[in-house]
N, C-alpha and C. Protein backbone atom coordinates (compact mmCIF):
# COMPACT_ATOMS: atom_id res chain seq x y z
N MET A 1 39.34 18.99 -64.12
CA MET A 1 40.21 18.15 -63.44
C MET A 1 39.14 17.49 -62.47
N LYS A 2 38.69 18.48 -61.89
CA LYS A 2 37.34 17.96 -61.26
C LYS A 2 36.00 17.26 -61.60
N ALA A 3 35.90 17.54 -62.96
CA ALA A 3 34.86 16.46 -63.45
C ALA A 3 35.72 14.98 -63.81
N ILE A 4 36.88 14.59 -64.08
CA ILE A 4 37.55 13.49 -63.94
C ILE A 4 37.55 12.95 -62.94
N PHE A 5 37.95 13.63 -61.74
CA PHE A 5 37.79 13.27 -60.44
C PHE A 5 36.66 12.34 -59.91
N LEU A 6 35.16 13.42 -60.23
CA LEU A 6 34.13 12.85 -60.12
C LEU A 6 33.40 11.56 -60.96
N LEU A 7 34.07 11.83 -62.05
CA LEU A 7 33.77 10.61 -63.30
C LEU A 7 34.54 9.20 -62.50
N MET A 8 35.40 9.26 -61.92
CA MET A 8 36.54 8.41 -61.78
C MET A 8 36.09 7.81 -60.27
N LEU A 9 35.48 8.60 -59.58
CA LEU A 9 34.78 8.35 -58.26
C LEU A 9 33.69 7.49 -58.50
N ALA A 10 32.49 7.98 -59.46
CA ALA A 10 31.51 7.37 -59.51
C ALA A 10 31.73 5.90 -60.18
N ALA A 11 32.48 6.05 -61.05
CA ALA A 11 32.93 4.83 -61.79
C ALA A 11 33.45 3.65 -60.67
N ALA A 12 34.21 3.99 -59.57
CA ALA A 12 34.74 3.41 -58.82
C ALA A 12 33.91 2.81 -57.75
N ALA A 13 32.89 3.65 -57.15
CA ALA A 13 32.12 3.61 -56.09
C ALA A 13 31.10 2.48 -56.43
N SER A 14 30.83 1.29 -56.09
CA SER A 14 30.10 0.14 -56.12
C SER A 14 29.98 -0.76 -55.32
N CYS A 15 28.73 -1.53 -55.17
CA CYS A 15 29.05 -2.61 -54.05
C CYS A 15 28.88 -3.73 -54.53
N SER A 16 28.76 -5.12 -53.63
CA SER A 16 28.74 -6.26 -54.20
C SER A 16 28.83 -7.30 -53.62
N ASP A 17 28.17 -8.44 -53.97
CA ASP A 17 28.06 -9.33 -53.18
C ASP A 17 28.98 -10.22 -52.83
N GLY A 18 30.03 -9.99 -53.01
CA GLY A 18 31.23 -11.09 -52.78
C GLY A 18 31.06 -11.20 -51.21
N GLN A 19 31.90 -12.27 -50.55
CA GLN A 19 31.80 -12.74 -49.27
C GLN A 19 32.98 -12.11 -48.64
N ALA A 20 32.79 -12.09 -47.64
CA ALA A 20 33.38 -11.16 -46.52
C ALA A 20 32.93 -11.90 -45.28
N THR A 21 33.61 -13.12 -44.54
CA THR A 21 32.91 -13.58 -43.61
C THR A 21 33.94 -13.91 -42.34
N ASN A 22 33.69 -14.14 -41.20
CA ASN A 22 34.20 -14.59 -40.09
C ASN A 22 34.17 -14.22 -38.61
N GLN A 23 34.99 -13.37 -38.08
CA GLN A 23 34.80 -13.09 -36.70
C GLN A 23 34.57 -11.63 -36.38
N SER A 24 34.60 -11.38 -35.19
CA SER A 24 34.57 -10.14 -34.69
C SER A 24 36.08 -9.15 -34.74
N PRO A 25 35.78 -7.90 -35.09
CA PRO A 25 37.33 -7.60 -34.98
C PRO A 25 37.88 -7.29 -33.71
N SER A 26 36.87 -7.47 -32.46
CA SER A 26 37.80 -7.43 -31.35
C SER A 26 38.12 -8.91 -30.76
N SER A 27 38.22 -9.69 -31.69
CA SER A 27 38.76 -11.17 -31.30
C SER A 27 40.09 -11.25 -31.55
N ASN A 28 40.50 -12.37 -31.49
CA ASN A 28 42.03 -12.67 -31.34
C ASN A 28 42.61 -12.34 -32.66
N ARG A 29 41.75 -11.95 -33.73
CA ARG A 29 42.43 -11.78 -34.98
C ARG A 29 42.30 -10.17 -35.41
N LEU A 30 42.24 -9.33 -34.51
CA LEU A 30 42.53 -8.31 -34.38
C LEU A 30 43.93 -7.77 -34.99
N GLY A 31 45.01 -8.44 -34.61
CA GLY A 31 46.08 -8.31 -35.40
C GLY A 31 46.44 -9.02 -36.40
N ALA A 32 45.73 -9.58 -36.92
CA ALA A 32 46.19 -10.63 -38.20
C ALA A 32 46.20 -9.60 -39.04
N SER A 33 47.56 -9.99 -40.16
CA SER A 33 47.90 -9.48 -41.19
C SER A 33 46.81 -9.78 -42.53
N ALA A 34 46.42 -8.96 -43.30
CA ALA A 34 45.96 -9.01 -44.76
C ALA A 34 47.20 -9.63 -45.95
N THR A 35 46.80 -10.34 -46.87
CA THR A 35 47.80 -10.15 -47.64
C THR A 35 49.00 -9.86 -47.72
N SER A 36 49.98 -10.18 -48.43
CA SER A 36 51.22 -9.08 -48.55
C SER A 36 50.59 -7.94 -49.51
N LEU A 37 50.00 -8.26 -50.59
CA LEU A 37 49.34 -6.96 -51.40
C LEU A 37 48.63 -5.80 -50.53
N ALA A 38 47.79 -6.53 -49.26
CA ALA A 38 47.10 -5.20 -48.86
C ALA A 38 48.09 -4.66 -47.68
N LYS A 39 48.84 -5.52 -47.04
CA LYS A 39 49.73 -4.86 -46.31
C LYS A 39 48.94 -4.10 -44.91
N LEU A 40 48.03 -4.30 -44.72
CA LEU A 40 47.23 -4.05 -43.43
C LEU A 40 46.68 -4.92 -42.66
N ALA A 41 46.88 -4.45 -41.13
CA ALA A 41 46.61 -5.17 -40.01
C ALA A 41 45.27 -4.70 -39.75
N LEU A 42 44.24 -5.32 -39.59
CA LEU A 42 42.99 -5.20 -38.74
C LEU A 42 43.02 -4.50 -37.68
N ARG A 43 42.60 -3.23 -37.32
CA ARG A 43 42.90 -2.86 -35.65
C ARG A 43 41.66 -2.51 -35.40
N GLY A 44 40.55 -3.13 -35.89
CA GLY A 44 39.06 -2.89 -35.01
C GLY A 44 38.14 -2.74 -36.00
N TRP A 45 37.02 -1.78 -35.63
CA TRP A 45 35.90 -1.65 -36.46
C TRP A 45 36.36 -0.44 -37.41
N VAL A 46 37.09 0.09 -36.89
CA VAL A 46 37.85 0.92 -38.26
C VAL A 46 39.42 1.13 -38.25
N THR A 47 39.74 0.61 -39.39
CA THR A 47 41.30 0.75 -39.70
C THR A 47 41.64 1.90 -40.71
N ASP A 48 42.06 2.91 -40.33
CA ASP A 48 42.18 3.95 -40.80
C ASP A 48 43.66 4.33 -41.25
N ASP A 49 44.18 3.25 -42.23
CA ASP A 49 45.69 3.49 -42.90
C ASP A 49 45.76 4.63 -43.41
N ALA A 50 44.93 5.23 -44.19
CA ALA A 50 45.23 6.63 -44.84
C ALA A 50 45.47 7.58 -44.17
N ASP A 51 44.94 7.68 -42.77
CA ASP A 51 44.83 8.74 -41.61
C ASP A 51 43.90 9.89 -42.09
N ILE A 52 43.00 9.57 -42.58
CA ILE A 52 42.02 10.87 -42.91
C ILE A 52 40.88 10.98 -41.90
N LEU A 53 40.57 10.31 -40.64
CA LEU A 53 39.73 10.45 -39.64
C LEU A 53 40.71 10.68 -38.37
N ASN A 54 40.28 11.61 -37.78
CA ASN A 54 41.12 12.35 -36.29
C ASN A 54 40.32 11.30 -35.22
N PRO A 55 41.09 11.20 -34.32
CA PRO A 55 40.78 10.20 -32.90
C PRO A 55 39.37 10.34 -32.60
N ALA A 56 38.50 11.40 -32.57
CA ALA A 56 37.46 11.42 -32.27
C ALA A 56 36.40 10.85 -33.42
N GLN A 57 36.89 11.26 -34.29
CA GLN A 57 35.96 10.59 -35.28
C GLN A 57 35.84 9.22 -35.64
N GLU A 58 36.99 8.56 -35.41
CA GLU A 58 37.59 7.14 -35.40
C GLU A 58 36.57 6.74 -34.37
N ALA A 59 36.83 7.03 -33.17
CA ALA A 59 36.20 6.40 -31.99
C ALA A 59 34.66 6.22 -32.19
N SER A 60 34.03 7.71 -32.78
CA SER A 60 32.81 7.80 -32.64
C SER A 60 32.17 6.61 -33.84
N LEU A 61 32.84 6.14 -34.76
CA LEU A 61 32.65 5.02 -35.96
C LEU A 61 32.69 3.95 -35.08
N SER A 62 33.73 3.75 -34.20
CA SER A 62 34.06 2.10 -33.65
C SER A 62 32.85 1.90 -32.68
N THR A 63 32.53 3.07 -32.19
CA THR A 63 31.23 2.88 -30.94
C THR A 63 30.24 2.58 -32.15
N ARG A 64 29.67 3.38 -33.01
CA ARG A 64 28.39 2.87 -33.66
C ARG A 64 28.51 1.65 -34.23
N LEU A 65 29.77 1.07 -34.82
CA LEU A 65 29.90 -0.03 -35.28
C LEU A 65 30.00 -1.27 -34.53
N GLU A 66 30.43 -1.27 -33.22
CA GLU A 66 30.37 -2.18 -32.10
C GLU A 66 28.71 -2.37 -31.98
N ALA A 67 27.98 -1.34 -31.43
CA ALA A 67 26.80 -1.02 -31.10
C ALA A 67 26.12 -1.86 -32.18
N PHE A 68 26.27 -1.76 -33.48
CA PHE A 68 25.50 -2.47 -34.44
C PHE A 68 25.79 -4.09 -34.77
N GLU A 69 27.09 -4.27 -34.58
CA GLU A 69 27.39 -5.66 -34.41
C GLU A 69 26.76 -6.66 -33.07
N GLU A 70 26.71 -5.64 -31.97
CA GLU A 70 25.62 -6.17 -30.75
C GLU A 70 24.64 -6.49 -30.90
N ALA A 71 23.68 -5.31 -31.64
CA ALA A 71 22.39 -5.48 -31.69
C ALA A 71 21.88 -6.33 -33.15
N SER A 72 22.81 -6.55 -34.22
CA SER A 72 22.32 -7.60 -35.10
C SER A 72 22.96 -8.80 -35.29
N GLY A 73 24.13 -8.52 -34.76
CA GLY A 73 25.17 -9.78 -35.09
C GLY A 73 26.01 -9.81 -36.42
N HIS A 74 25.54 -8.60 -37.36
CA HIS A 74 26.42 -8.50 -38.49
C HIS A 74 27.35 -7.73 -38.27
N GLN A 75 28.55 -8.00 -39.14
CA GLN A 75 29.69 -6.89 -38.72
C GLN A 75 30.01 -6.16 -39.88
N MET A 76 30.32 -5.05 -39.46
CA MET A 76 30.70 -3.99 -40.53
C MET A 76 31.75 -3.36 -40.28
N VAL A 77 32.87 -2.81 -41.03
CA VAL A 77 34.03 -2.28 -40.82
C VAL A 77 34.26 -1.34 -41.60
N VAL A 78 35.12 -0.20 -41.45
CA VAL A 78 35.70 0.95 -42.55
C VAL A 78 36.88 0.67 -42.59
N VAL A 79 37.44 0.91 -43.63
CA VAL A 79 39.05 0.55 -44.14
C VAL A 79 39.10 1.85 -44.81
N THR A 80 40.03 2.58 -44.66
CA THR A 80 40.86 3.48 -45.54
C THR A 80 42.50 2.81 -45.79
N VAL A 81 42.77 2.95 -46.95
CA VAL A 81 44.02 2.63 -47.42
C VAL A 81 44.97 3.66 -48.13
N GLN A 82 46.06 3.79 -47.74
CA GLN A 82 47.06 4.53 -48.35
C GLN A 82 46.94 4.44 -49.98
N SER A 83 46.93 3.26 -50.36
CA SER A 83 46.91 2.96 -51.75
C SER A 83 46.41 1.40 -52.00
N LEU A 84 45.80 1.20 -53.13
CA LEU A 84 45.38 -0.15 -53.54
C LEU A 84 46.61 -1.19 -54.18
N GLY A 85 47.60 -0.27 -54.58
CA GLY A 85 48.69 -0.92 -54.75
C GLY A 85 48.40 -1.25 -56.41
N GLY A 86 47.41 -0.40 -57.27
CA GLY A 86 47.34 -0.92 -58.47
C GLY A 86 46.56 -1.99 -58.63
N ARG A 87 46.05 -2.36 -57.55
CA ARG A 87 44.69 -3.32 -57.79
C ARG A 87 43.39 -2.75 -58.06
N ASP A 88 42.40 -3.72 -58.39
CA ASP A 88 41.22 -3.59 -58.68
C ASP A 88 40.46 -3.16 -57.19
N VAL A 89 39.71 -2.01 -56.99
CA VAL A 89 39.34 -2.18 -55.84
C VAL A 89 38.41 -3.13 -55.51
N ALA A 90 37.29 -3.42 -56.17
CA ALA A 90 36.42 -4.78 -55.83
C ALA A 90 37.13 -5.85 -55.44
N MET A 91 38.18 -5.95 -56.03
CA MET A 91 38.95 -7.34 -55.75
C MET A 91 39.91 -7.36 -54.51
N PHE A 92 40.52 -6.10 -54.43
CA PHE A 92 41.45 -5.57 -53.28
C PHE A 92 40.23 -6.07 -51.85
N THR A 93 39.03 -5.37 -52.19
CA THR A 93 38.42 -5.25 -50.82
C THR A 93 37.80 -6.51 -50.52
N LYS A 94 37.47 -7.51 -51.46
CA LYS A 94 36.94 -8.66 -51.19
C LYS A 94 38.04 -9.71 -50.64
N GLU A 95 38.99 -9.46 -51.36
CA GLU A 95 40.40 -10.40 -50.63
C GLU A 95 40.62 -9.89 -49.20
N LEU A 96 40.73 -8.28 -49.06
CA LEU A 96 40.86 -8.01 -47.64
C LEU A 96 39.82 -8.74 -46.69
N GLY A 97 38.41 -8.54 -47.35
CA GLY A 97 37.60 -9.38 -46.31
C GLY A 97 37.46 -10.70 -45.96
N ASN A 98 38.05 -11.43 -47.23
CA ASN A 98 38.03 -12.69 -46.72
C ASN A 98 39.53 -12.85 -45.83
N THR A 99 40.39 -12.09 -46.25
CA THR A 99 41.72 -12.44 -45.35
C THR A 99 41.24 -12.05 -43.71
N TRP A 100 40.53 -11.14 -43.65
CA TRP A 100 40.46 -10.80 -42.33
C TRP A 100 39.00 -11.71 -41.56
N GLY A 101 38.52 -12.23 -42.15
CA GLY A 101 37.33 -13.01 -41.72
C GLY A 101 36.62 -11.96 -41.31
N ILE A 102 35.75 -11.10 -41.92
CA ILE A 102 34.75 -10.29 -41.77
C ILE A 102 33.31 -10.65 -41.85
N GLY A 103 32.51 -10.69 -40.75
CA GLY A 103 31.35 -11.36 -40.51
C GLY A 103 31.26 -12.57 -39.90
N ARG A 104 30.19 -13.35 -39.62
CA ARG A 104 30.18 -14.56 -39.26
C ARG A 104 30.20 -15.55 -40.28
N ALA A 105 31.31 -16.34 -40.27
CA ALA A 105 31.17 -17.41 -41.49
C ALA A 105 30.15 -18.24 -41.98
N GLU A 106 29.46 -18.74 -40.90
CA GLU A 106 28.10 -19.09 -41.08
C GLU A 106 26.89 -18.28 -41.50
N GLN A 107 26.53 -17.18 -41.54
CA GLN A 107 26.22 -16.42 -42.09
C GLN A 107 26.34 -15.45 -43.08
N ASP A 108 27.69 -15.47 -43.27
CA ASP A 108 28.38 -14.56 -44.50
C ASP A 108 27.81 -13.29 -44.32
N ASP A 109 27.74 -12.62 -43.44
CA ASP A 109 27.16 -11.17 -43.00
C ASP A 109 28.06 -10.29 -42.88
N GLY A 110 29.11 -10.23 -43.30
CA GLY A 110 30.04 -9.10 -43.22
C GLY A 110 29.77 -7.95 -44.21
N VAL A 111 30.66 -6.68 -43.67
CA VAL A 111 30.14 -5.50 -44.86
C VAL A 111 31.38 -4.69 -44.47
N ILE A 112 32.02 -4.30 -45.81
CA ILE A 112 33.12 -3.33 -45.40
C ILE A 112 33.16 -2.06 -46.25
N LEU A 113 33.27 -0.75 -45.88
CA LEU A 113 33.30 0.20 -46.56
C LEU A 113 34.98 0.58 -46.68
N LEU A 114 35.34 0.61 -47.86
CA LEU A 114 36.83 0.75 -48.07
C LEU A 114 36.82 2.38 -48.79
N VAL A 115 37.79 2.69 -48.53
CA VAL A 115 38.16 4.28 -49.25
C VAL A 115 39.66 4.41 -49.44
N ALA A 116 39.81 4.50 -50.60
CA ALA A 116 41.21 4.95 -50.93
C ALA A 116 41.48 6.34 -51.73
N PRO A 117 41.59 7.35 -50.82
CA PRO A 117 41.08 8.78 -51.12
C PRO A 117 42.22 9.00 -52.34
N LYS A 118 43.69 8.54 -52.11
CA LYS A 118 44.59 8.88 -53.29
C LYS A 118 44.18 8.21 -54.45
N GLU A 119 43.67 7.66 -54.27
CA GLU A 119 43.04 7.20 -56.14
C GLU A 119 41.89 7.26 -56.12
N HIS A 120 41.14 8.19 -55.58
CA HIS A 120 39.78 8.38 -55.54
C HIS A 120 38.56 7.20 -55.73
N LYS A 121 38.86 6.26 -55.06
CA LYS A 121 38.28 5.08 -55.15
C LYS A 121 37.68 4.66 -53.92
N ALA A 122 36.24 4.05 -53.91
CA ALA A 122 35.47 3.50 -52.64
C ALA A 122 34.62 2.21 -52.79
N ARG A 123 34.23 1.54 -51.89
CA ARG A 123 33.89 0.50 -52.36
C ARG A 123 32.97 -0.23 -51.13
N ILE A 124 31.84 -0.61 -51.22
CA ILE A 124 30.91 -1.27 -50.20
C ILE A 124 31.19 -2.73 -50.62
N GLU A 125 31.35 -3.76 -49.62
CA GLU A 125 31.50 -4.81 -50.22
C GLU A 125 30.58 -5.56 -49.29
N VAL A 126 29.58 -6.65 -49.52
CA VAL A 126 28.64 -7.22 -48.81
C VAL A 126 28.54 -8.55 -49.07
N GLY A 127 28.65 -9.29 -47.64
CA GLY A 127 28.87 -10.76 -47.57
C GLY A 127 27.59 -11.30 -48.49
N LEU A 128 27.43 -12.36 -48.82
CA LEU A 128 26.24 -13.10 -49.66
C LEU A 128 25.15 -13.08 -48.51
N GLY A 129 25.27 -13.08 -47.43
CA GLY A 129 24.15 -13.43 -46.19
C GLY A 129 23.57 -11.91 -46.24
N LEU A 130 24.16 -10.80 -46.57
CA LEU A 130 23.45 -9.63 -46.55
C LEU A 130 23.08 -9.12 -47.66
N GLU A 131 22.98 -9.95 -48.81
CA GLU A 131 22.74 -9.45 -50.45
C GLU A 131 21.33 -9.22 -50.26
N ARG A 132 20.41 -9.83 -49.69
CA ARG A 132 19.02 -9.42 -49.73
C ARG A 132 18.96 -7.89 -49.15
N THR A 133 19.26 -7.93 -47.91
CA THR A 133 19.32 -6.62 -47.26
C THR A 133 19.82 -5.46 -47.88
N LEU A 134 21.23 -5.57 -48.50
CA LEU A 134 21.95 -4.55 -49.21
C LEU A 134 22.11 -5.01 -50.43
N PRO A 135 21.51 -5.02 -51.13
CA PRO A 135 21.51 -5.28 -52.44
C PRO A 135 22.50 -4.41 -52.89
N ASN A 136 22.85 -4.69 -54.22
CA ASN A 136 23.87 -3.71 -55.13
C ASN A 136 23.07 -2.64 -55.26
N ALA A 137 22.16 -2.42 -55.90
CA ALA A 137 21.46 -1.30 -56.19
C ALA A 137 21.26 -0.11 -54.97
N LEU A 138 21.01 -0.73 -53.64
CA LEU A 138 20.65 -0.01 -52.96
C LEU A 138 22.44 0.62 -52.32
N CYS A 139 23.41 -0.40 -52.07
CA CYS A 139 24.61 0.10 -52.06
C CYS A 139 25.17 1.44 -53.10
N GLN A 140 24.80 0.97 -54.06
CA GLN A 140 25.12 2.02 -55.08
C GLN A 140 24.44 3.47 -54.69
N GLN A 141 23.36 3.48 -54.74
CA GLN A 141 22.32 4.74 -54.34
C GLN A 141 23.00 5.21 -52.93
N ILE A 142 23.40 4.45 -51.99
CA ILE A 142 24.26 5.06 -50.63
C ILE A 142 25.18 5.61 -50.99
N MET A 143 26.15 5.22 -51.96
CA MET A 143 27.20 5.70 -52.28
C MET A 143 27.16 7.04 -53.09
N ASP A 144 26.02 7.26 -53.80
CA ASP A 144 25.65 8.27 -54.76
C ASP A 144 25.28 9.26 -53.96
N SER A 145 24.45 8.78 -52.86
CA SER A 145 23.68 10.03 -52.42
C SER A 145 24.06 10.31 -51.12
N GLU A 146 24.70 9.49 -50.28
CA GLU A 146 24.83 9.63 -49.22
C GLU A 146 26.87 10.00 -48.78
N ILE A 147 27.50 8.80 -49.87
CA ILE A 147 28.90 9.19 -49.60
C ILE A 147 29.50 10.16 -50.62
N ILE A 148 29.57 10.17 -51.89
CA ILE A 148 30.23 10.57 -52.77
C ILE A 148 29.87 12.16 -52.52
N PRO A 149 28.85 12.71 -52.61
CA PRO A 149 28.59 14.22 -52.30
C PRO A 149 29.72 14.83 -51.39
N HIS A 150 29.82 13.98 -50.11
CA HIS A 150 30.88 14.58 -48.85
C HIS A 150 32.47 14.49 -49.78
N PHE A 151 32.34 13.36 -50.34
CA PHE A 151 33.98 13.05 -51.08
C PHE A 151 34.39 14.48 -51.88
N ARG A 152 32.76 14.61 -52.80
CA ARG A 152 33.14 15.83 -53.81
C ARG A 152 33.69 16.81 -53.02
N ASN A 153 33.53 17.28 -51.58
CA ASN A 153 33.96 18.50 -51.12
C ASN A 153 34.94 18.08 -50.34
N GLY A 154 35.62 17.16 -50.61
CA GLY A 154 36.84 16.64 -50.08
C GLY A 154 36.75 16.41 -48.48
N ASP A 155 35.53 16.01 -47.96
CA ASP A 155 34.96 15.88 -46.78
C ASP A 155 34.74 14.29 -46.55
N TYR A 156 35.94 13.16 -46.31
CA TYR A 156 35.92 12.09 -46.38
C TYR A 156 35.09 11.65 -44.94
N PRO A 157 35.44 12.07 -43.82
CA PRO A 157 34.94 11.70 -42.58
C PRO A 157 33.64 11.92 -42.80
N SER A 158 33.16 13.00 -43.05
CA SER A 158 31.44 13.18 -43.21
C SER A 158 30.85 11.95 -43.95
N GLY A 159 31.70 11.99 -45.22
CA GLY A 159 31.08 10.82 -46.38
C GLY A 159 31.19 9.68 -45.54
N ILE A 160 32.14 9.32 -44.87
CA ILE A 160 32.10 7.69 -44.22
C ILE A 160 31.03 7.47 -42.99
N SER A 161 31.28 8.76 -42.47
CA SER A 161 30.03 8.89 -41.20
C SER A 161 28.49 8.56 -41.99
N ALA A 162 28.16 9.18 -42.94
CA ALA A 162 26.96 9.05 -43.67
C ALA A 162 26.70 7.83 -44.23
N GLY A 163 27.84 6.95 -44.80
CA GLY A 163 27.49 5.93 -45.23
C GLY A 163 27.25 5.10 -44.59
N VAL A 164 28.15 4.89 -43.26
CA VAL A 164 27.89 4.09 -42.06
C VAL A 164 26.53 4.18 -41.60
N THR A 165 25.93 5.55 -41.54
CA THR A 165 24.64 5.72 -40.90
C THR A 165 23.67 5.00 -41.83
N ALA A 166 23.59 5.19 -43.13
CA ALA A 166 23.04 4.42 -44.13
C ALA A 166 22.89 2.99 -44.32
N LEU A 167 24.19 2.67 -44.22
CA LEU A 167 24.23 1.24 -44.09
C LEU A 167 23.48 0.59 -43.02
N ILE A 168 23.71 0.99 -41.75
CA ILE A 168 23.35 0.39 -40.45
C ILE A 168 21.73 0.76 -40.49
N SER A 169 21.23 1.73 -40.97
CA SER A 169 19.61 1.68 -41.15
C SER A 169 19.09 0.81 -41.85
N HIS A 170 19.47 0.26 -42.73
CA HIS A 170 19.02 -0.70 -44.05
C HIS A 170 19.28 -2.14 -43.57
N ALA A 171 20.53 -2.17 -42.73
CA ALA A 171 20.84 -3.71 -42.34
C ALA A 171 20.38 -4.18 -41.06
N SER A 172 19.89 -3.03 -40.27
CA SER A 172 19.26 -3.32 -38.86
C SER A 172 18.15 -3.98 -38.65
């Protein structure tokens, strides 16, 4: 069973060069609803719909992501979902980023780290404007070396934190 879980997680864990653009999570779009399929509302730099982060972990991630955005202009959000609703993780993440308007529209520099723990799926979605800085191969390496090892041990918060740290270090 654990081998199947690891195989599924490795197959689902990937990056992309899809578009994820527009505004800051602190903007007036903070409460904007995603598509009816996503059924999520952007709540800030961290939207923990799967409830896997405690308040201190969520606050710490939000502080780091806000500081990253202020320093670089690039916007990164972390999203956990209860379910993908049978949707492909890549398409789900891309549509979510486009619906929410993650990143600056003119730079297309948004990044989403999405985790669907019940379905054992994770995704790093990168806007085209950051494709050279965070190419697919690097994002896959971050998934494989920084995120998935923690997830294998059932420690989603540490995996998310390690992934955010690695993404920020490469995108700064």
